Amino acid sequence: MFSISSSGDWSETEKFLRKMMSLKLDSVLNAAGTKGAAALAKATPKDTGRASISWTYDIQKSSTGIVIGWKNTDVESGFPVALMIQYGHGTGTGGYIQGRDYINPAMRPIFDEIADTVWKAVTSA
């Protein structure tokens, strides 16, 4: 068994938590969304060019957090072309085309930038 005790008040903690609740990250996430879509478009192999120009992003907010997601709207025969390029796919003649990891290297700097920017916003609150 253990116990925890404290002395003083929680005013500084409450002040910090109130700031965190009111932290506005919309501009940070919109900028990251735009940069991410551009990075994905640039990195996408351009056979016809359709997959590379089909990147979008959306931001979803809920009571538990914020999620930013990137999507590619180029779909052929019911399958997302971006995923076929990333993970590989079978051909109609029985062959296989090896996947090419282009998404992760393109997005790594974007994720790092988001983490840095949010960390600075949190620590300066």
N, C-alpha and C. Protein backbone atom coordinates (compact mmCIF):
# COMPACT_ATOMS: atom_id res chain seq x y z
N MET A 1 0.85 -1.17 0.00
CA MET A 1 0.00 0.00 0.00
C MET A 1 0.89 1.24 0.00
N PHE A 2 0.42 2.29 -0.64
CA PHE A 2 1.18 3.52 -0.65
C PHE A 2 0.21 4.69 -0.53
N SER A 3 0.75 5.83 -0.16
CA SER A 3 -0.09 7.02 -0.06
C SER A 3 0.68 8.19 -0.66
N ILE A 4 -0.08 9.17 -1.10
CA ILE A 4 0.49 10.39 -1.67
C ILE A 4 -0.07 11.56 -0.91
N SER A 5 0.78 12.49 -0.59
CA SER A 5 0.31 13.71 0.06
C SER A 5 0.95 14.90 -0.63
N SER A 6 0.32 16.02 -0.50
CA SER A 6 0.86 17.25 -1.08
C SER A 6 0.59 18.41 -0.15
N SER A 7 1.36 19.44 -0.34
CA SER A 7 1.11 20.64 0.43
C SER A 7 1.01 21.80 -0.55
N GLY A 8 0.47 22.88 -0.12
CA GLY A 8 0.30 24.02 -1.01
C GLY A 8 -0.98 23.88 -1.81
N ASP A 9 -1.02 24.58 -2.92
CA ASP A 9 -2.22 24.48 -3.76
C ASP A 9 -1.83 24.03 -5.17
N TRP A 10 -2.81 23.83 -5.95
CA TRP A 10 -2.62 23.34 -7.32
C TRP A 10 -2.81 24.44 -8.34
N SER A 11 -2.71 25.69 -7.94
CA SER A 11 -3.03 26.79 -8.83
C SER A 11 -2.14 26.82 -10.08
N GLU A 12 -0.85 26.57 -9.94
CA GLU A 12 0.04 26.58 -11.10
C GLU A 12 -0.29 25.42 -12.05
N THR A 13 -0.58 24.27 -11.50
CA THR A 13 -0.95 23.11 -12.32
C THR A 13 -2.26 23.38 -13.04
N GLU A 14 -3.23 23.92 -12.33
CA GLU A 14 -4.52 24.24 -12.93
C GLU A 14 -4.36 25.30 -14.02
N LYS A 15 -3.51 26.29 -13.78
CA LYS A 15 -3.25 27.34 -14.77
C LYS A 15 -2.66 26.72 -16.04
N PHE A 16 -1.67 25.84 -15.88
CA PHE A 16 -1.04 25.18 -17.02
C PHE A 16 -2.07 24.33 -17.78
N LEU A 17 -2.87 23.56 -17.07
CA LEU A 17 -3.86 22.70 -17.72
C LEU A 17 -4.91 23.53 -18.47
N ARG A 18 -5.31 24.67 -17.90
CA ARG A 18 -6.26 25.55 -18.60
C ARG A 18 -5.65 26.06 -19.91
N LYS A 19 -4.36 26.42 -19.87
CA LYS A 19 -3.68 26.87 -21.09
C LYS A 19 -3.64 25.74 -22.12
N MET A 20 -3.38 24.53 -21.67
CA MET A 20 -3.32 23.40 -22.60
C MET A 20 -4.69 23.15 -23.25
N MET A 21 -5.73 23.32 -22.48
CA MET A 21 -7.08 23.11 -23.02
C MET A 21 -7.44 24.16 -24.05
N SER A 22 -6.88 25.35 -23.91
CA SER A 22 -7.22 26.42 -24.84
C SER A 22 -6.18 26.60 -25.95
N LEU A 23 -5.18 25.73 -25.98
CA LEU A 23 -4.13 25.81 -26.98
C LEU A 23 -4.73 25.62 -28.37
N LYS A 24 -4.47 26.55 -29.25
CA LYS A 24 -5.01 26.51 -30.62
C LYS A 24 -3.92 26.00 -31.56
N LEU A 25 -4.13 24.83 -32.09
CA LEU A 25 -3.14 24.24 -32.99
C LEU A 25 -3.63 24.20 -34.44
N ASP A 26 -4.75 24.85 -34.72
CA ASP A 26 -5.32 24.80 -36.07
C ASP A 26 -4.33 25.26 -37.13
N SER A 27 -3.68 26.39 -36.90
CA SER A 27 -2.77 26.90 -37.93
C SER A 27 -1.57 25.99 -38.10
N VAL A 28 -1.07 25.42 -37.01
CA VAL A 28 0.06 24.48 -37.09
C VAL A 28 -0.33 23.26 -37.90
N LEU A 29 -1.50 22.70 -37.61
CA LEU A 29 -1.92 21.48 -38.30
C LEU A 29 -2.30 21.74 -39.74
N ASN A 30 -2.90 22.88 -40.02
CA ASN A 30 -3.21 23.20 -41.42
C ASN A 30 -1.93 23.38 -42.24
N ALA A 31 -0.95 24.03 -41.66
CA ALA A 31 0.33 24.20 -42.36
C ALA A 31 0.98 22.84 -42.58
N ALA A 32 0.94 21.98 -41.56
CA ALA A 32 1.53 20.64 -41.69
C ALA A 32 0.75 19.81 -42.72
N GLY A 33 -0.56 19.96 -42.74
CA GLY A 33 -1.37 19.24 -43.72
C GLY A 33 -1.00 19.63 -45.14
N THR A 34 -0.86 20.91 -45.37
CA THR A 34 -0.49 21.41 -46.69
C THR A 34 0.92 20.93 -47.08
N LYS A 35 1.86 21.05 -46.14
CA LYS A 35 3.23 20.61 -46.42
C LYS A 35 3.29 19.10 -46.66
N GLY A 36 2.52 18.35 -45.87
CA GLY A 36 2.51 16.90 -46.03
C GLY A 36 1.94 16.48 -47.38
N ALA A 37 0.84 17.10 -47.79
CA ALA A 37 0.25 16.78 -49.10
C ALA A 37 1.22 17.13 -50.22
N ALA A 38 1.92 18.24 -50.09
CA ALA A 38 2.91 18.64 -51.10
C ALA A 38 4.09 17.67 -51.13
N ALA A 39 4.55 17.25 -49.95
CA ALA A 39 5.67 16.30 -49.89
C ALA A 39 5.27 14.95 -50.49
N LEU A 40 4.06 14.52 -50.21
CA LEU A 40 3.59 13.25 -50.78
C LEU A 40 3.43 13.35 -52.29
N ALA A 41 2.91 14.47 -52.77
CA ALA A 41 2.76 14.67 -54.21
C ALA A 41 4.11 14.64 -54.90
N LYS A 42 5.11 15.27 -54.30
CA LYS A 42 6.44 15.31 -54.88
C LYS A 42 7.09 13.92 -54.88
N ALA A 43 6.86 13.15 -53.82
CA ALA A 43 7.51 11.85 -53.67
C ALA A 43 6.81 10.72 -54.42
N THR A 44 5.55 10.91 -54.77
CA THR A 44 4.79 9.85 -55.44
C THR A 44 5.34 9.61 -56.84
N PRO A 45 5.70 8.36 -57.16
CA PRO A 45 6.15 8.05 -58.53
C PRO A 45 5.09 8.47 -59.54
N LYS A 46 5.52 9.06 -60.62
CA LYS A 46 4.59 9.65 -61.58
C LYS A 46 4.54 8.85 -62.88
N ASP A 47 3.73 7.80 -62.86
CA ASP A 47 3.52 7.05 -64.09
C ASP A 47 2.56 7.84 -64.98
N THR A 48 1.36 8.10 -64.44
CA THR A 48 0.41 8.94 -65.16
C THR A 48 0.29 10.30 -64.51
N GLY A 49 0.73 10.41 -63.27
CA GLY A 49 0.65 11.66 -62.55
C GLY A 49 -0.62 11.82 -61.74
N ARG A 50 -1.59 10.95 -61.95
CA ARG A 50 -2.87 11.09 -61.24
C ARG A 50 -2.72 10.87 -59.74
N ALA A 51 -1.97 9.85 -59.35
CA ALA A 51 -1.81 9.58 -57.91
C ALA A 51 -1.09 10.74 -57.22
N SER A 52 -0.12 11.32 -57.89
CA SER A 52 0.66 12.38 -57.25
C SER A 52 -0.16 13.64 -57.00
N ILE A 53 -1.16 13.90 -57.83
CA ILE A 53 -1.97 15.12 -57.64
C ILE A 53 -3.23 14.86 -56.83
N SER A 54 -3.37 13.65 -56.30
CA SER A 54 -4.60 13.27 -55.60
C SER A 54 -4.47 13.24 -54.08
N TRP A 55 -3.44 13.87 -53.55
CA TRP A 55 -3.26 13.89 -52.09
C TRP A 55 -4.06 15.03 -51.45
N THR A 56 -4.76 14.70 -50.38
CA THR A 56 -5.51 15.68 -49.59
C THR A 56 -5.22 15.39 -48.11
N TYR A 57 -5.69 16.26 -47.26
CA TYR A 57 -5.58 16.02 -45.82
C TYR A 57 -6.85 16.51 -45.15
N ASP A 58 -7.10 15.98 -43.97
CA ASP A 58 -8.20 16.50 -43.16
C ASP A 58 -7.79 16.46 -41.70
N ILE A 59 -8.44 17.30 -40.94
CA ILE A 59 -8.18 17.40 -39.50
C ILE A 59 -9.48 17.12 -38.78
N GLN A 60 -9.42 16.18 -37.85
CA GLN A 60 -10.60 15.82 -37.07
C GLN A 60 -10.33 16.12 -35.60
N LYS A 61 -11.24 16.86 -35.01
CA LYS A 61 -11.12 17.20 -33.59
C LYS A 61 -12.19 16.45 -32.81
N SER A 62 -11.83 16.03 -31.61
CA SER A 62 -12.80 15.40 -30.72
C SER A 62 -12.48 15.86 -29.31
N SER A 63 -13.25 15.38 -28.38
CA SER A 63 -13.01 15.75 -26.98
C SER A 63 -11.72 15.14 -26.45
N THR A 64 -11.19 14.13 -27.15
CA THR A 64 -9.98 13.47 -26.66
C THR A 64 -8.72 13.86 -27.42
N GLY A 65 -8.85 14.62 -28.50
CA GLY A 65 -7.65 15.03 -29.21
C GLY A 65 -7.92 15.49 -30.62
N ILE A 66 -6.83 15.65 -31.36
CA ILE A 66 -6.87 16.11 -32.75
C ILE A 66 -6.11 15.09 -33.59
N VAL A 67 -6.68 14.75 -34.74
CA VAL A 67 -6.03 13.81 -35.65
C VAL A 67 -5.91 14.47 -37.01
N ILE A 68 -4.72 14.41 -37.60
CA ILE A 68 -4.54 14.88 -38.97
C ILE A 68 -4.27 13.64 -39.82
N GLY A 69 -4.95 13.57 -40.95
CA GLY A 69 -4.79 12.42 -41.83
C GLY A 69 -4.61 12.85 -43.27
N TRP A 70 -3.77 12.11 -43.98
CA TRP A 70 -3.55 12.36 -45.40
C TRP A 70 -4.18 11.23 -46.18
N LYS A 71 -4.83 11.58 -47.28
CA LYS A 71 -5.53 10.59 -48.10
C LYS A 71 -5.18 10.81 -49.56
N ASN A 72 -5.24 9.72 -50.31
CA ASN A 72 -5.05 9.82 -51.75
C ASN A 72 -6.33 9.32 -52.39
N THR A 73 -6.90 10.13 -53.27
CA THR A 73 -8.22 9.82 -53.85
C THR A 73 -8.13 9.08 -55.18
N ASP A 74 -6.93 8.74 -55.63
CA ASP A 74 -6.79 7.99 -56.89
C ASP A 74 -7.04 6.52 -56.61
N VAL A 75 -8.16 6.02 -57.12
CA VAL A 75 -8.56 4.62 -56.90
C VAL A 75 -8.78 3.97 -58.27
N GLU A 76 -8.18 2.80 -58.44
CA GLU A 76 -8.37 2.04 -59.67
C GLU A 76 -8.87 0.65 -59.32
N SER A 77 -9.94 0.25 -59.95
CA SER A 77 -10.56 -1.06 -59.70
C SER A 77 -10.83 -1.27 -58.21
N GLY A 78 -11.22 -0.20 -57.52
CA GLY A 78 -11.57 -0.29 -56.11
C GLY A 78 -10.40 -0.31 -55.15
N PHE A 79 -9.18 -0.13 -55.67
CA PHE A 79 -8.00 -0.19 -54.80
C PHE A 79 -7.23 1.12 -54.90
N PRO A 80 -6.82 1.69 -53.76
CA PRO A 80 -6.08 2.95 -53.77
C PRO A 80 -4.70 2.80 -54.44
N VAL A 81 -4.46 3.59 -55.45
CA VAL A 81 -3.21 3.52 -56.21
C VAL A 81 -2.01 3.80 -55.32
N ALA A 82 -2.13 4.75 -54.41
CA ALA A 82 -1.01 5.09 -53.52
C ALA A 82 -0.56 3.87 -52.71
N LEU A 83 -1.52 3.06 -52.28
CA LEU A 83 -1.17 1.85 -51.53
C LEU A 83 -0.56 0.79 -52.43
N MET A 84 -1.02 0.71 -53.67
CA MET A 84 -0.42 -0.24 -54.61
C MET A 84 1.05 0.11 -54.83
N ILE A 85 1.33 1.40 -54.95
CA ILE A 85 2.71 1.83 -55.16
C ILE A 85 3.54 1.55 -53.90
N GLN A 86 2.98 1.86 -52.75
CA GLN A 86 3.70 1.71 -51.48
C GLN A 86 3.98 0.24 -51.15
N TYR A 87 2.96 -0.62 -51.29
CA TYR A 87 3.08 -1.99 -50.81
C TYR A 87 3.24 -3.03 -51.91
N GLY A 88 3.08 -2.64 -53.15
CA GLY A 88 3.18 -3.58 -54.25
C GLY A 88 1.81 -4.15 -54.59
N HIS A 89 1.74 -4.82 -55.74
CA HIS A 89 0.44 -5.39 -56.17
C HIS A 89 0.66 -6.40 -57.29
N GLY A 90 -0.32 -7.27 -57.41
CA GLY A 90 -0.31 -8.24 -58.50
C GLY A 90 -0.79 -7.58 -59.78
N THR A 91 -0.36 -8.14 -60.89
CA THR A 91 -0.82 -7.63 -62.19
C THR A 91 -1.91 -8.54 -62.72
N GLY A 92 -2.58 -8.11 -63.75
CA GLY A 92 -3.65 -8.90 -64.35
C GLY A 92 -3.14 -10.14 -65.08
N THR A 93 -1.84 -10.20 -65.32
CA THR A 93 -1.27 -11.33 -66.06
C THR A 93 -0.53 -12.30 -65.15
N GLY A 94 -0.69 -12.16 -63.84
CA GLY A 94 -0.08 -13.09 -62.89
C GLY A 94 1.26 -12.64 -62.35
N GLY A 95 1.72 -11.50 -62.75
CA GLY A 95 2.99 -10.99 -62.24
C GLY A 95 2.80 -10.21 -60.94
N TYR A 96 3.89 -9.70 -60.45
CA TYR A 96 3.86 -8.91 -59.22
C TYR A 96 4.78 -7.71 -59.38
N ILE A 97 4.30 -6.56 -58.97
CA ILE A 97 5.11 -5.35 -58.97
C ILE A 97 5.45 -5.03 -57.53
N GLN A 98 6.75 -5.00 -57.24
CA GLN A 98 7.26 -4.74 -55.89
C GLN A 98 6.86 -3.34 -55.43
N GLY A 99 6.52 -3.22 -54.15
CA GLY A 99 6.20 -1.92 -53.58
C GLY A 99 7.44 -1.05 -53.43
N ARG A 100 7.19 0.23 -53.27
CA ARG A 100 8.28 1.20 -53.09
C ARG A 100 7.89 2.12 -51.93
N ASP A 101 8.71 2.12 -50.89
CA ASP A 101 8.41 2.94 -49.72
C ASP A 101 8.75 4.40 -50.02
N TYR A 102 7.74 5.14 -50.39
CA TYR A 102 7.94 6.56 -50.67
C TYR A 102 7.19 7.43 -49.67
N ILE A 103 6.20 6.87 -49.00
CA ILE A 103 5.38 7.65 -48.06
C ILE A 103 6.15 7.98 -46.79
N ASN A 104 6.75 6.98 -46.17
CA ASN A 104 7.45 7.21 -44.89
C ASN A 104 8.60 8.21 -45.02
N PRO A 105 9.48 8.07 -46.00
CA PRO A 105 10.55 9.08 -46.10
C PRO A 105 10.02 10.49 -46.39
N ALA A 106 8.94 10.59 -47.15
CA ALA A 106 8.38 11.92 -47.45
C ALA A 106 7.76 12.56 -46.21
N MET A 107 7.16 11.73 -45.36
CA MET A 107 6.44 12.28 -44.21
C MET A 107 7.28 12.45 -42.95
N ARG A 108 8.41 11.77 -42.86
CA ARG A 108 9.24 11.86 -41.65
C ARG A 108 9.56 13.31 -41.27
N PRO A 109 10.03 14.16 -42.20
CA PRO A 109 10.31 15.55 -41.81
C PRO A 109 9.06 16.32 -41.39
N ILE A 110 7.93 15.98 -41.97
CA ILE A 110 6.67 16.65 -41.61
C ILE A 110 6.30 16.27 -40.17
N PHE A 111 6.40 14.98 -39.84
CA PHE A 111 6.09 14.54 -38.48
C PHE A 111 7.04 15.18 -37.47
N ASP A 112 8.32 15.25 -37.82
CA ASP A 112 9.30 15.88 -36.93
C ASP A 112 8.96 17.35 -36.70
N GLU A 113 8.56 18.03 -37.76
CA GLU A 113 8.21 19.45 -37.64
C GLU A 113 6.97 19.64 -36.77
N ILE A 114 5.97 18.78 -36.94
CA ILE A 114 4.77 18.86 -36.10
C ILE A 114 5.16 18.66 -34.64
N ALA A 115 5.95 17.64 -34.36
CA ALA A 115 6.35 17.36 -32.97
C ALA A 115 7.11 18.54 -32.37
N ASP A 116 8.05 19.10 -33.12
CA ASP A 116 8.81 20.24 -32.63
C ASP A 116 7.93 21.45 -32.35
N THR A 117 7.04 21.75 -33.29
CA THR A 117 6.18 22.93 -33.16
C THR A 117 5.22 22.78 -31.99
N VAL A 118 4.62 21.60 -31.85
CA VAL A 118 3.67 21.37 -30.75
C VAL A 118 4.42 21.38 -29.42
N TRP A 119 5.60 20.78 -29.38
CA TRP A 119 6.38 20.77 -28.14
C TRP A 119 6.71 22.20 -27.70
N LYS A 120 7.10 23.05 -28.66
CA LYS A 120 7.40 24.45 -28.33
C LYS A 120 6.16 25.17 -27.80
N ALA A 121 5.01 24.88 -28.42
CA ALA A 121 3.77 25.52 -27.97
C ALA A 121 3.40 25.07 -26.56
N VAL A 122 3.60 23.80 -26.27
CA VAL A 122 3.26 23.26 -24.94
C VAL A 122 4.22 23.79 -23.89
N THR A 123 5.51 23.79 -24.19
CA THR A 123 6.48 24.21 -23.17
C THR A 123 6.52 25.71 -22.95
N SER A 124 5.97 26.48 -23.89
CA SER A 124 5.95 27.93 -23.70
C SER A 124 4.62 28.40 -23.09
N ALA A 125 3.72 27.48 -22.84
CA ALA A 125 2.40 27.84 -22.30
C ALA A 125 2.50 28.27 -20.86
